[in-house]
Amino acid sequence: MKYNRNVYQALMMISQFGINMLVPIFICSFAGMFLDWKFETSFWTVVLFFVGALAGFTNVFRFAKKIYETPAVTRRRSTKRQDDKKEEE
C-alpha cells in the first residue's frame, strides 16, 4: 500500500506547531512555580506563563512564515517535477 507523503508532512507540521507553542509555556510556567516556591510569592507563575505564551506564539509565527515564504525558484522546480511525474504516468 502506497502512503501519501503530503499527509505525513501535514501531520508533522501540525505536531510542530503544538510543540513550538507548548514547550515555552511549560518551561516558563514551571520556572514561575519554582520562583514562587523559592521566594514565597504568588505572581511569578502568572507573569512567566504569559511570557511563555508570547514566546510560543512568536515561535509559531516564525515557523508559519518560514513555511509560506518559499522562494519562487523552489516553487517552479517543484511544480516542474510534479508536471514531469504526471507526464510519466
N, C-alpha and C. Protein backbone atom coordinates (compact mmCIF):
# COMPACT_ATOMS: atom_id res chain seq x y z
N MET A 1 0.84 -1.17 0.00
CA MET A 1 0.00 0.00 0.00
C MET A 1 0.89 1.24 0.00
N LYS A 2 0.62 2.17 -0.89
CA LYS A 2 1.42 3.38 -1.01
C LYS A 2 0.76 4.50 -0.20
N TYR A 3 1.54 5.09 0.70
CA TYR A 3 1.02 6.15 1.55
C TYR A 3 1.29 7.51 0.92
N ASN A 4 0.38 8.43 1.16
CA ASN A 4 0.51 9.77 0.62
C ASN A 4 1.48 10.58 1.48
N ARG A 5 2.54 11.05 0.87
CA ARG A 5 3.58 11.78 1.59
C ARG A 5 3.06 13.10 2.13
N ASN A 6 2.13 13.73 1.44
CA ASN A 6 1.60 15.01 1.89
C ASN A 6 0.86 14.89 3.22
N VAL A 7 0.22 13.76 3.46
CA VAL A 7 -0.48 13.56 4.73
C VAL A 7 0.52 13.54 5.87
N TYR A 8 1.63 12.84 5.70
CA TYR A 8 2.64 12.78 6.75
C TYR A 8 3.28 14.15 6.98
N GLN A 9 3.50 14.91 5.91
CA GLN A 9 4.06 16.25 6.06
C GLN A 9 3.09 17.16 6.81
N ALA A 10 1.80 17.04 6.53
CA ALA A 10 0.81 17.86 7.22
C ALA A 10 0.75 17.50 8.71
N LEU A 11 0.79 16.21 9.03
CA LEU A 11 0.80 15.79 10.43
C LEU A 11 2.05 16.27 11.15
N MET A 12 3.18 16.25 10.46
CA MET A 12 4.42 16.74 11.04
C MET A 12 4.32 18.23 11.34
N MET A 13 3.75 18.99 10.43
CA MET A 13 3.64 20.42 10.66
C MET A 13 2.69 20.73 11.81
N ILE A 14 1.57 20.01 11.90
CA ILE A 14 0.63 20.22 12.99
C ILE A 14 1.28 19.93 14.33
N SER A 15 2.01 18.83 14.41
CA SER A 15 2.67 18.50 15.68
C SER A 15 3.77 19.51 15.99
N GLN A 16 4.45 20.01 14.98
CA GLN A 16 5.49 21.02 15.19
C GLN A 16 4.89 22.31 15.74
N PHE A 17 3.72 22.70 15.23
CA PHE A 17 3.04 23.88 15.76
C PHE A 17 2.74 23.70 17.25
N GLY A 18 2.24 22.53 17.61
CA GLY A 18 1.92 22.26 19.01
C GLY A 18 3.14 22.29 19.90
N ILE A 19 4.20 21.66 19.46
CA ILE A 19 5.44 21.64 20.24
C ILE A 19 6.00 23.05 20.39
N ASN A 20 6.00 23.81 19.28
CA ASN A 20 6.53 25.18 19.33
C ASN A 20 5.72 26.07 20.28
N MET A 21 4.46 25.77 20.48
CA MET A 21 3.63 26.58 21.36
C MET A 21 3.70 26.10 22.81
N LEU A 22 3.67 24.81 23.04
CA LEU A 22 3.54 24.29 24.40
C LEU A 22 4.84 24.27 25.20
N VAL A 23 5.95 24.00 24.56
CA VAL A 23 7.22 23.88 25.30
C VAL A 23 7.59 25.18 26.02
N PRO A 24 7.57 26.34 25.36
CA PRO A 24 7.89 27.56 26.11
C PRO A 24 6.91 27.85 27.25
N ILE A 25 5.63 27.53 27.04
CA ILE A 25 4.64 27.77 28.09
C ILE A 25 4.96 26.90 29.31
N PHE A 26 5.23 25.61 29.09
CA PHE A 26 5.54 24.72 30.22
C PHE A 26 6.82 25.13 30.92
N ILE A 27 7.85 25.44 30.18
CA ILE A 27 9.13 25.80 30.80
C ILE A 27 8.98 27.06 31.63
N CYS A 28 8.34 28.08 31.06
CA CYS A 28 8.16 29.33 31.81
C CYS A 28 7.22 29.14 33.01
N SER A 29 6.18 28.34 32.85
CA SER A 29 5.27 28.11 33.98
C SER A 29 5.98 27.39 35.12
N PHE A 30 6.77 26.37 34.80
CA PHE A 30 7.50 25.66 35.85
C PHE A 30 8.56 26.55 36.49
N ALA A 31 9.19 27.41 35.69
CA ALA A 31 10.15 28.35 36.27
C ALA A 31 9.43 29.32 37.20
N GLY A 32 8.23 29.76 36.82
CA GLY A 32 7.45 30.64 37.68
C GLY A 32 7.03 29.96 38.96
N MET A 33 6.62 28.69 38.89
CA MET A 33 6.25 27.96 40.09
C MET A 33 7.46 27.79 41.02
N PHE A 34 8.63 27.53 40.42
CA PHE A 34 9.84 27.40 41.23
C PHE A 34 10.17 28.72 41.93
N LEU A 35 10.10 29.83 41.18
CA LEU A 35 10.40 31.13 41.78
C LEU A 35 9.39 31.49 42.87
N ASP A 36 8.12 31.16 42.64
CA ASP A 36 7.12 31.41 43.67
C ASP A 36 7.39 30.58 44.93
N TRP A 37 7.81 29.36 44.74
CA TRP A 37 8.13 28.49 45.87
C TRP A 37 9.38 29.01 46.60
N LYS A 38 10.38 29.40 45.82
CA LYS A 38 11.66 29.83 46.38
C LYS A 38 11.51 31.14 47.17
N PHE A 39 10.80 32.11 46.60
CA PHE A 39 10.69 33.43 47.24
C PHE A 39 9.38 33.64 47.99
N GLU A 40 8.55 32.60 48.04
CA GLU A 40 7.26 32.65 48.73
C GLU A 40 6.39 33.81 48.23
N THR A 41 6.30 33.90 46.92
CA THR A 41 5.45 34.91 46.28
C THR A 41 4.32 34.18 45.55
N SER A 42 3.48 34.94 44.85
CA SER A 42 2.38 34.28 44.15
C SER A 42 2.10 34.89 42.78
N PHE A 43 3.05 35.60 42.22
CA PHE A 43 2.78 36.24 40.93
C PHE A 43 3.70 35.78 39.80
N TRP A 44 4.81 35.15 40.11
CA TRP A 44 5.76 34.77 39.05
C TRP A 44 5.19 33.74 38.08
N THR A 45 4.39 32.84 38.57
CA THR A 45 3.80 31.82 37.69
C THR A 45 2.94 32.48 36.62
N VAL A 46 2.12 33.43 37.01
CA VAL A 46 1.24 34.11 36.06
C VAL A 46 2.05 34.93 35.07
N VAL A 47 3.02 35.68 35.57
CA VAL A 47 3.84 36.53 34.70
C VAL A 47 4.60 35.68 33.69
N LEU A 48 5.26 34.63 34.17
CA LEU A 48 6.06 33.81 33.27
C LEU A 48 5.20 32.95 32.35
N PHE A 49 3.97 32.63 32.76
CA PHE A 49 3.06 31.93 31.85
C PHE A 49 2.80 32.79 30.62
N PHE A 50 2.52 34.07 30.83
CA PHE A 50 2.26 34.95 29.69
C PHE A 50 3.52 35.20 28.87
N VAL A 51 4.67 35.23 29.50
CA VAL A 51 5.93 35.34 28.75
C VAL A 51 6.11 34.10 27.88
N GLY A 52 5.82 32.92 28.42
CA GLY A 52 5.93 31.67 27.66
C GLY A 52 4.92 31.63 26.52
N ALA A 53 3.70 32.13 26.77
CA ALA A 53 2.70 32.16 25.70
C ALA A 53 3.14 33.09 24.58
N LEU A 54 3.71 34.23 24.93
CA LEU A 54 4.21 35.16 23.92
C LEU A 54 5.36 34.54 23.13
N ALA A 55 6.25 33.86 23.83
CA ALA A 55 7.37 33.18 23.15
C ALA A 55 6.85 32.06 22.24
N GLY A 56 5.87 31.31 22.71
CA GLY A 56 5.29 30.25 21.89
C GLY A 56 4.61 30.79 20.65
N PHE A 57 3.86 31.87 20.80
CA PHE A 57 3.22 32.50 19.65
C PHE A 57 4.25 32.99 18.66
N THR A 58 5.34 33.57 19.17
CA THR A 58 6.41 34.04 18.28
C THR A 58 7.03 32.87 17.52
N ASN A 59 7.25 31.74 18.20
CA ASN A 59 7.80 30.56 17.53
C ASN A 59 6.87 30.05 16.43
N VAL A 60 5.58 29.99 16.72
CA VAL A 60 4.62 29.51 15.73
C VAL A 60 4.56 30.47 14.55
N PHE A 61 4.58 31.76 14.83
CA PHE A 61 4.54 32.76 13.76
C PHE A 61 5.76 32.62 12.85
N ARG A 62 6.94 32.49 13.45
CA ARG A 62 8.16 32.33 12.64
C ARG A 62 8.13 31.05 11.81
N PHE A 63 7.63 29.96 12.41
CA PHE A 63 7.55 28.69 11.70
C PHE A 63 6.59 28.78 10.52
N ALA A 64 5.44 29.39 10.75
CA ALA A 64 4.45 29.54 9.67
C ALA A 64 4.99 30.46 8.57
N LYS A 65 5.67 31.50 8.97
CA LYS A 65 6.24 32.43 7.99
C LYS A 65 7.29 31.72 7.14
N LYS A 66 8.10 30.88 7.77
CA LYS A 66 9.13 30.14 7.03
C LYS A 66 8.50 29.16 6.04
N ILE A 67 7.39 28.55 6.41
CA ILE A 67 6.72 27.60 5.53
C ILE A 67 6.19 28.29 4.28
N TYR A 68 5.58 29.45 4.48
CA TYR A 68 4.92 30.12 3.36
C TYR A 68 5.82 31.06 2.58
N GLU A 69 7.06 31.24 3.01
CA GLU A 69 7.99 32.09 2.28
C GLU A 69 8.99 31.26 1.49
N THR A 70 8.51 30.32 0.70
CA THR A 70 9.43 29.55 -0.14
C THR A 70 9.81 30.40 -1.35
N PRO A 71 11.06 30.37 -1.75
CA PRO A 71 11.48 31.16 -2.91
C PRO A 71 10.76 30.73 -4.19
N ALA A 72 10.61 31.66 -5.10
CA ALA A 72 9.91 31.38 -6.36
C ALA A 72 10.63 30.31 -7.17
N VAL A 73 11.95 30.28 -7.11
CA VAL A 73 12.72 29.28 -7.86
C VAL A 73 12.37 27.88 -7.35
N THR A 74 12.29 27.71 -6.05
CA THR A 74 11.96 26.41 -5.48
C THR A 74 10.56 25.99 -5.89
N ARG A 75 9.61 26.95 -5.88
CA ARG A 75 8.24 26.63 -6.27
C ARG A 75 8.19 26.19 -7.73
N ARG A 76 8.94 26.87 -8.59
CA ARG A 76 8.93 26.49 -10.02
C ARG A 76 9.53 25.11 -10.22
N ARG A 77 10.59 24.81 -9.49
CA ARG A 77 11.23 23.50 -9.63
C ARG A 77 10.29 22.39 -9.17
N SER A 78 9.64 22.58 -8.03
CA SER A 78 8.76 21.53 -7.52
C SER A 78 7.55 21.37 -8.43
N THR A 79 7.04 22.45 -8.99
CA THR A 79 5.91 22.36 -9.93
C THR A 79 6.34 21.63 -11.19
N LYS A 80 7.55 21.91 -11.65
CA LYS A 80 8.05 21.23 -12.84
C LYS A 80 8.21 19.74 -12.58
N ARG A 81 8.71 19.38 -11.41
CA ARG A 81 8.87 17.97 -11.07
C ARG A 81 7.52 17.27 -11.01
N GLN A 82 6.52 17.92 -10.45
CA GLN A 82 5.20 17.33 -10.38
C GLN A 82 4.60 17.15 -11.77
N ASP A 83 4.85 18.14 -12.65
CA ASP A 83 4.35 18.03 -14.02
C ASP A 83 5.05 16.89 -14.75
N ASP A 84 6.35 16.71 -14.52
CA ASP A 84 7.10 15.63 -15.14
C ASP A 84 6.57 14.28 -14.67
N LYS A 85 6.26 14.16 -13.40
CA LYS A 85 5.72 12.90 -12.87
C LYS A 85 4.36 12.58 -13.48
N LYS A 86 3.54 13.62 -13.65
CA LYS A 86 2.22 13.40 -14.23
C LYS A 86 2.34 12.93 -15.69
N GLU A 87 3.31 13.47 -16.41
CA GLU A 87 3.50 13.08 -17.81
C GLU A 87 3.97 11.63 -17.91
N GLU A 88 4.79 11.17 -16.92
CA GLU A 88 5.28 9.80 -16.95
C GLU A 88 4.17 8.80 -16.70
N GLU A 89 3.16 9.20 -15.93
CA GLU A 89 2.06 8.28 -15.61
C GLU A 89 1.15 8.19 -16.76
